[in-house]
Amino acid sequence: MSIAAHLDRYAHRNSPVHRLDARAKVPAVFAYVLVISTTREADWTAIGLLALPVLALVIASRLGPWLVLRRTFLALPFVMAAVPLMFTRPGETVFTLPLLGWTASDEGIQAVATILARSWLSVAMAVVLVSSTPMVQILRALRWLRVPRLLVATISFTYRYFFVIGEEAQRMIRARDSRSARLPGLHGGGSVRWRARVVGHMAGSLFVRSLERSERVHAAMQARGYRGEPRFLDDPPLPALHLAAAAAFVVLGVAMQAGARL
């Protein structure tokens, strides 16, 4: 399976979320993430209520809870940056690390848990959006929302170059394997230092090839009339039903947030 087919293999399924227009989904996801970010610290009632529409969205998208959960783990390293907060926030001591002597407070633990919950819900929304919508439609929706053209073009080229660099790397690995003999019962390759040197040479060669490829692609795009923004043959109208469904989803989140504050 190619890299492009691997990344977009879920975007062409048939579900109510997949059929929804990207110009309705993208602003709805942004607005709902904004609602999630306004949740007060340790307000577990609001977090629980806001999680219900997210769960309903995952079920309606037919992506599978395990797929969405597995992809949300990508944001875990960034969320871990908030872990030191449990040791710096003043409050009642809950436990102490034996070797370092750091004390974790209840206020710090609640703060980290709130950040983790809000981040997980936000990432889950983003995962559903990206997994149920082709990237071209997301980029068109961003331009429809008047996102700066340069920013949209940067996102577009970054996404497309995943395929270019990935396929070039696959060709280099196949070429290396075809030139490497591995005898049964013998360990192939040299020392760790030798392997690191080979990997460094491959990374440098990949960089040079990618740079040359980018110049050829840019020249080809200019020859075909590219002026900083892709053009499409069709411009379908935004269905009012799709816009109403997206607005209702956001209003539901706002209502749950307001209800939890009462």
Protein backbone atom coordinates (compact mmCIF):
# COMPACT_ATOMS: atom_id res chain seq x y z
CA MET A 1 0.00 0.00 0.00
CA SER A 2 1.32 3.43 -0.96
CA ILE A 3 1.74 6.17 1.62
CA ALA A 4 -1.07 8.24 0.08
CA ALA A 5 -3.48 5.31 0.20
CA HIS A 6 -2.41 4.55 3.78
CA LEU A 7 -3.14 8.09 5.04
CA ASP A 8 -6.45 8.54 3.19
CA ARG A 9 -7.83 5.02 3.46
CA TYR A 10 -10.55 6.07 5.93
CA ALA A 11 -11.54 9.37 4.28
CA HIS A 12 -13.69 7.77 1.57
CA ARG A 13 -15.94 5.63 3.73
CA ASN A 14 -19.70 6.14 3.79
CA SER A 15 -21.15 7.61 6.97
CA PRO A 16 -23.14 10.70 7.98
CA VAL A 17 -19.92 12.38 9.12
CA HIS A 18 -18.12 11.53 5.86
CA ARG A 19 -20.97 12.93 3.78
CA LEU A 20 -21.02 16.21 5.70
CA ASP A 21 -19.53 19.13 3.77
CA ALA A 22 -16.02 20.06 4.90
CA ARG A 23 -16.99 23.75 5.00
CA ALA A 24 -19.41 22.82 7.78
CA LYS A 25 -17.20 20.31 9.58
CA VAL A 26 -14.03 22.39 9.83
CA PRO A 27 -15.54 25.46 11.58
CA ALA A 28 -17.68 23.19 13.76
CA VAL A 29 -14.61 21.30 14.99
CA PHE A 30 -12.72 24.54 15.64
CA ALA A 31 -15.67 25.98 17.57
CA TYR A 32 -16.18 22.83 19.63
CA VAL A 33 -12.49 22.67 20.51
CA LEU A 34 -12.78 26.29 21.66
CA VAL A 35 -15.72 25.31 23.86
CA ILE A 36 -13.69 22.45 25.34
CA SER A 37 -10.76 24.76 26.06
CA THR A 38 -12.99 27.02 28.19
CA THR A 39 -13.72 24.23 30.66
CA ARG A 40 -12.84 25.19 34.20
CA GLU A 41 -10.19 23.29 36.08
CA ALA A 42 -11.46 20.08 37.72
CA ASP A 43 -14.96 20.62 36.31
CA TRP A 44 -15.52 16.93 35.62
CA THR A 45 -19.24 17.39 35.05
CA ALA A 46 -18.57 19.67 32.08
CA ILE A 47 -15.87 17.38 30.72
CA GLY A 48 -18.16 14.37 30.98
CA LEU A 49 -21.00 16.18 29.23
CA LEU A 50 -18.72 17.46 26.47
CA ALA A 51 -17.38 13.94 25.93
CA LEU A 52 -20.85 12.60 25.06
CA PRO A 53 -21.16 14.44 21.70
CA VAL A 54 -17.58 13.46 20.86
CA LEU A 55 -18.43 9.81 21.51
CA ALA A 56 -21.59 10.13 19.42
CA LEU A 57 -19.52 11.66 16.61
CA VAL A 58 -17.04 8.77 16.72
CA ILE A 59 -19.89 6.25 16.51
CA ALA A 60 -21.61 8.14 13.67
CA SER A 61 -18.37 8.32 11.68
CA ARG A 62 -18.04 4.49 11.75
CA LEU A 63 -14.30 4.79 12.18
CA GLY A 64 -14.23 2.60 15.24
CA PRO A 65 -13.41 3.71 18.81
CA TRP A 66 -10.09 1.86 18.78
CA LEU A 67 -8.89 3.66 15.65
CA VAL A 68 -9.68 7.08 17.12
CA LEU A 69 -8.20 6.16 20.50
CA ARG A 70 -5.02 4.85 18.89
CA ARG A 71 -4.52 8.03 16.87
CA THR A 72 -5.11 10.28 19.87
CA PHE A 73 -1.98 8.78 21.46
CA LEU A 74 0.04 10.87 19.00
CA ALA A 75 -0.62 13.92 21.17
CA LEU A 76 0.49 12.21 24.40
CA PRO A 77 4.14 13.44 24.26
CA PHE A 78 2.93 17.05 23.98
CA VAL A 79 0.49 16.64 26.86
CA MET A 80 3.25 15.18 29.02
CA ALA A 81 4.83 18.63 29.05
CA ALA A 82 2.20 19.59 31.62
CA VAL A 83 3.19 16.83 34.08
CA PRO A 84 5.69 19.03 36.01
CA LEU A 85 2.72 21.19 36.95
CA MET A 86 1.66 18.64 39.56
CA PHE A 87 4.94 19.22 41.40
CA THR A 88 5.00 23.02 41.13
CA ARG A 89 1.38 23.86 41.96
CA PRO A 90 0.95 24.56 45.68
CA GLY A 91 -1.55 22.47 47.59
CA GLU A 92 -2.01 19.49 49.88
CA THR A 93 0.69 16.87 49.35
CA VAL A 94 -0.53 13.60 47.83
CA PHE A 95 2.73 11.70 47.31
CA THR A 96 6.48 12.28 47.15
CA LEU A 97 8.95 10.86 44.67
CA PRO A 98 11.47 8.77 46.67
CA LEU A 99 14.67 9.62 44.82
CA LEU A 100 14.05 13.22 43.78
CA GLY A 101 12.06 14.33 46.78
CA TRP A 102 9.46 16.11 44.66
CA THR A 103 6.01 16.44 46.19
CA ALA A 104 2.85 16.27 44.12
CA SER A 105 -0.10 18.33 45.31
CA ASP A 106 -3.79 17.64 44.83
CA GLU A 107 -4.20 20.96 43.03
CA GLY A 108 -1.39 20.06 40.63
CA ILE A 109 -2.83 16.62 39.92
CA GLN A 110 -6.25 18.11 39.18
CA ALA A 111 -4.67 20.68 36.86
CA VAL A 112 -2.73 18.04 34.91
CA ALA A 113 -5.78 15.76 34.72
CA THR A 114 -7.90 18.63 33.39
CA ILE A 115 -5.32 19.50 30.74
CA LEU A 116 -5.10 15.84 29.74
CA ALA A 117 -8.89 15.49 29.44
CA ARG A 118 -9.34 18.69 27.45
CA SER A 119 -6.45 17.83 25.16
CA TRP A 120 -7.70 14.30 24.56
CA LEU A 121 -11.20 15.48 23.62
CA SER A 122 -9.78 18.14 21.29
CA VAL A 123 -7.43 15.68 19.60
CA ALA A 124 -10.26 13.16 19.22
CA MET A 125 -12.29 15.80 17.37
CA ALA A 126 -9.34 16.53 15.10
CA VAL A 127 -8.80 12.81 14.44
CA VAL A 128 -12.43 12.36 13.37
CA LEU A 129 -12.18 15.40 11.09
CA VAL A 130 -8.96 14.31 9.39
CA SER A 131 -9.98 10.65 9.14
CA SER A 132 -13.40 11.39 7.61
CA THR A 133 -12.44 14.21 5.22
CA PRO A 134 -10.00 14.20 2.29
CA MET A 135 -7.18 16.68 2.80
CA VAL A 136 -8.09 18.55 -0.39
CA GLN A 137 -11.55 19.28 1.00
CA ILE A 138 -10.09 20.47 4.31
CA LEU A 139 -7.79 22.88 2.47
CA ARG A 140 -10.70 24.17 0.39
CA ALA A 141 -12.69 24.72 3.58
CA LEU A 142 -9.81 26.67 5.12
CA ARG A 143 -9.66 28.98 2.10
CA TRP A 144 -13.46 29.34 2.25
CA LEU A 145 -13.00 30.49 5.86
CA ARG A 146 -10.52 33.12 4.60
CA VAL A 147 -7.47 31.49 6.18
CA PRO A 148 -4.40 33.21 4.66
CA ARG A 149 -3.41 31.73 1.33
CA LEU A 150 0.24 31.33 2.32
CA LEU A 151 -0.67 29.29 5.41
CA VAL A 152 -2.98 27.01 3.42
CA ALA A 153 -0.32 26.54 0.73
CA THR A 154 2.26 25.63 3.40
CA ILE A 155 -0.06 23.00 4.88
CA SER A 156 -0.81 21.64 1.42
CA PHE A 157 2.83 21.29 0.38
CA THR A 158 3.78 19.78 3.75
CA TYR A 159 1.08 17.15 3.37
CA ARG A 160 2.01 16.37 -0.24
CA TYR A 161 5.72 16.11 0.57
CA PHE A 162 5.02 13.34 3.05
CA PHE A 163 4.32 11.20 -0.01
CA VAL A 164 7.28 12.45 -2.04
CA ILE A 165 9.87 12.02 0.71
CA GLY A 166 8.32 8.78 1.96
CA GLU A 167 8.30 7.15 -1.47
CA GLU A 168 11.86 8.35 -2.14
CA ALA A 169 12.96 6.83 1.17
CA GLN A 170 11.27 3.55 0.27
CA ARG A 171 13.14 3.42 -3.04
CA MET A 172 16.45 4.04 -1.26
CA ILE A 173 15.74 1.26 1.25
CA ARG A 174 14.84 -1.17 -1.55
CA ALA A 175 18.05 -0.23 -3.37
CA ARG A 176 20.09 -0.82 -0.21
CA ASP A 177 18.43 -4.20 0.43
CA SER A 178 18.97 -5.32 -3.17
CA ARG A 179 22.71 -4.62 -2.82
CA SER A 180 23.08 -6.25 0.59
CA ALA A 181 23.72 -9.98 0.79
CA ARG A 182 22.66 -11.69 4.01
CA LEU A 183 23.97 -15.23 4.53
CA PRO A 184 22.02 -17.66 6.74
CA GLY A 185 23.35 -17.79 10.27
CA LEU A 186 25.56 -14.70 9.89
CA HIS A 187 24.95 -11.22 11.20
CA GLY A 188 24.81 -8.71 8.36
CA GLY A 189 26.25 -5.21 8.50
CA GLY A 190 29.03 -3.73 10.58
CA SER A 191 29.28 -2.02 13.94
CA VAL A 192 26.82 0.46 15.38
CA ARG A 193 29.10 3.30 14.31
CA TRP A 194 29.20 1.96 10.77
CA ARG A 195 25.42 1.62 10.67
CA ALA A 196 25.01 5.19 11.96
CA ARG A 197 27.33 6.45 9.24
CA VAL A 198 25.30 4.62 6.57
CA VAL A 199 22.04 6.03 7.91
CA GLY A 200 23.56 9.52 7.93
CA HIS A 201 24.63 9.16 4.30
CA MET A 202 21.13 7.98 3.37
CA ALA A 203 19.53 10.93 5.19
CA GLY A 204 21.83 13.38 3.41
CA SER A 205 21.12 11.78 0.04
CA LEU A 206 17.39 11.90 0.77
CA PHE A 207 17.64 15.61 1.57
CA VAL A 208 19.47 16.36 -1.69
CA ARG A 209 17.02 14.30 -3.74
CA SER A 210 14.05 16.00 -2.05
CA LEU A 211 15.51 19.43 -2.77
CA GLU A 212 16.05 18.58 -6.42
CA ARG A 213 12.56 17.12 -6.65
CA SER A 214 11.04 20.26 -5.13
CA GLU A 215 12.72 22.43 -7.75
CA ARG A 216 11.38 20.26 -10.56
CA VAL A 217 7.89 20.21 -9.05
CA HIS A 218 7.91 24.00 -8.62
CA ALA A 219 8.99 24.52 -12.23
CA ALA A 220 6.29 22.15 -13.45
CA MET A 221 3.63 23.93 -11.38
CA GLN A 222 4.67 27.33 -12.70
CA ALA A 223 4.54 25.99 -16.27
CA ARG A 224 0.95 24.94 -15.61
CA GLY A 225 -0.14 28.35 -14.36
CA TYR A 226 0.22 27.99 -10.59
CA ARG A 227 -0.02 31.38 -8.85
CA GLY A 228 0.05 30.43 -5.18
CA GLU A 229 -3.37 28.81 -4.91
CA PRO A 230 -4.85 25.69 -6.54
CA ARG A 231 -7.90 26.13 -8.73
CA PHE A 232 -10.83 23.73 -8.93
CA LEU A 233 -13.27 23.11 -11.75
CA ASP A 234 -16.30 22.91 -9.49
CA ASP A 235 -17.57 25.10 -6.65
CA PRO A 236 -20.57 23.30 -5.13
CA PRO A 237 -22.89 25.29 -2.85
CA LEU A 238 -22.88 24.61 0.87
CA PRO A 239 -26.08 22.70 1.78
CA ALA A 240 -28.08 24.48 4.44
CA LEU A 241 -28.82 21.15 6.17
CA HIS A 242 -25.10 20.48 6.63
CA LEU A 243 -24.54 23.95 8.07
CA ALA A 244 -27.50 23.54 10.43
CA ALA A 245 -26.21 20.17 11.66
CA ALA A 246 -22.76 21.62 12.36
CA ALA A 247 -24.26 24.63 14.14
CA ALA A 248 -26.49 22.37 16.26
CA PHE A 249 -23.45 20.34 17.31
CA VAL A 250 -21.64 23.47 18.49
CA VAL A 251 -24.74 24.87 20.22
CA LEU A 252 -25.11 21.56 22.06
CA GLY A 253 -21.56 21.88 23.36
CA VAL A 254 -22.14 25.48 24.45
CA ALA A 255 -25.35 24.47 26.22
CA MET A 256 -23.59 21.66 28.08
CA GLN A 257 -20.78 23.99 29.10
CA ALA A 258 -23.27 26.59 30.34
CA GLY A 259 -25.36 23.98 32.13
CA ALA A 260 -22.34 22.65 34.00
CA ARG A 261 -21.55 26.17 35.26
CA LEU A 262 -25.00 26.69 36.77
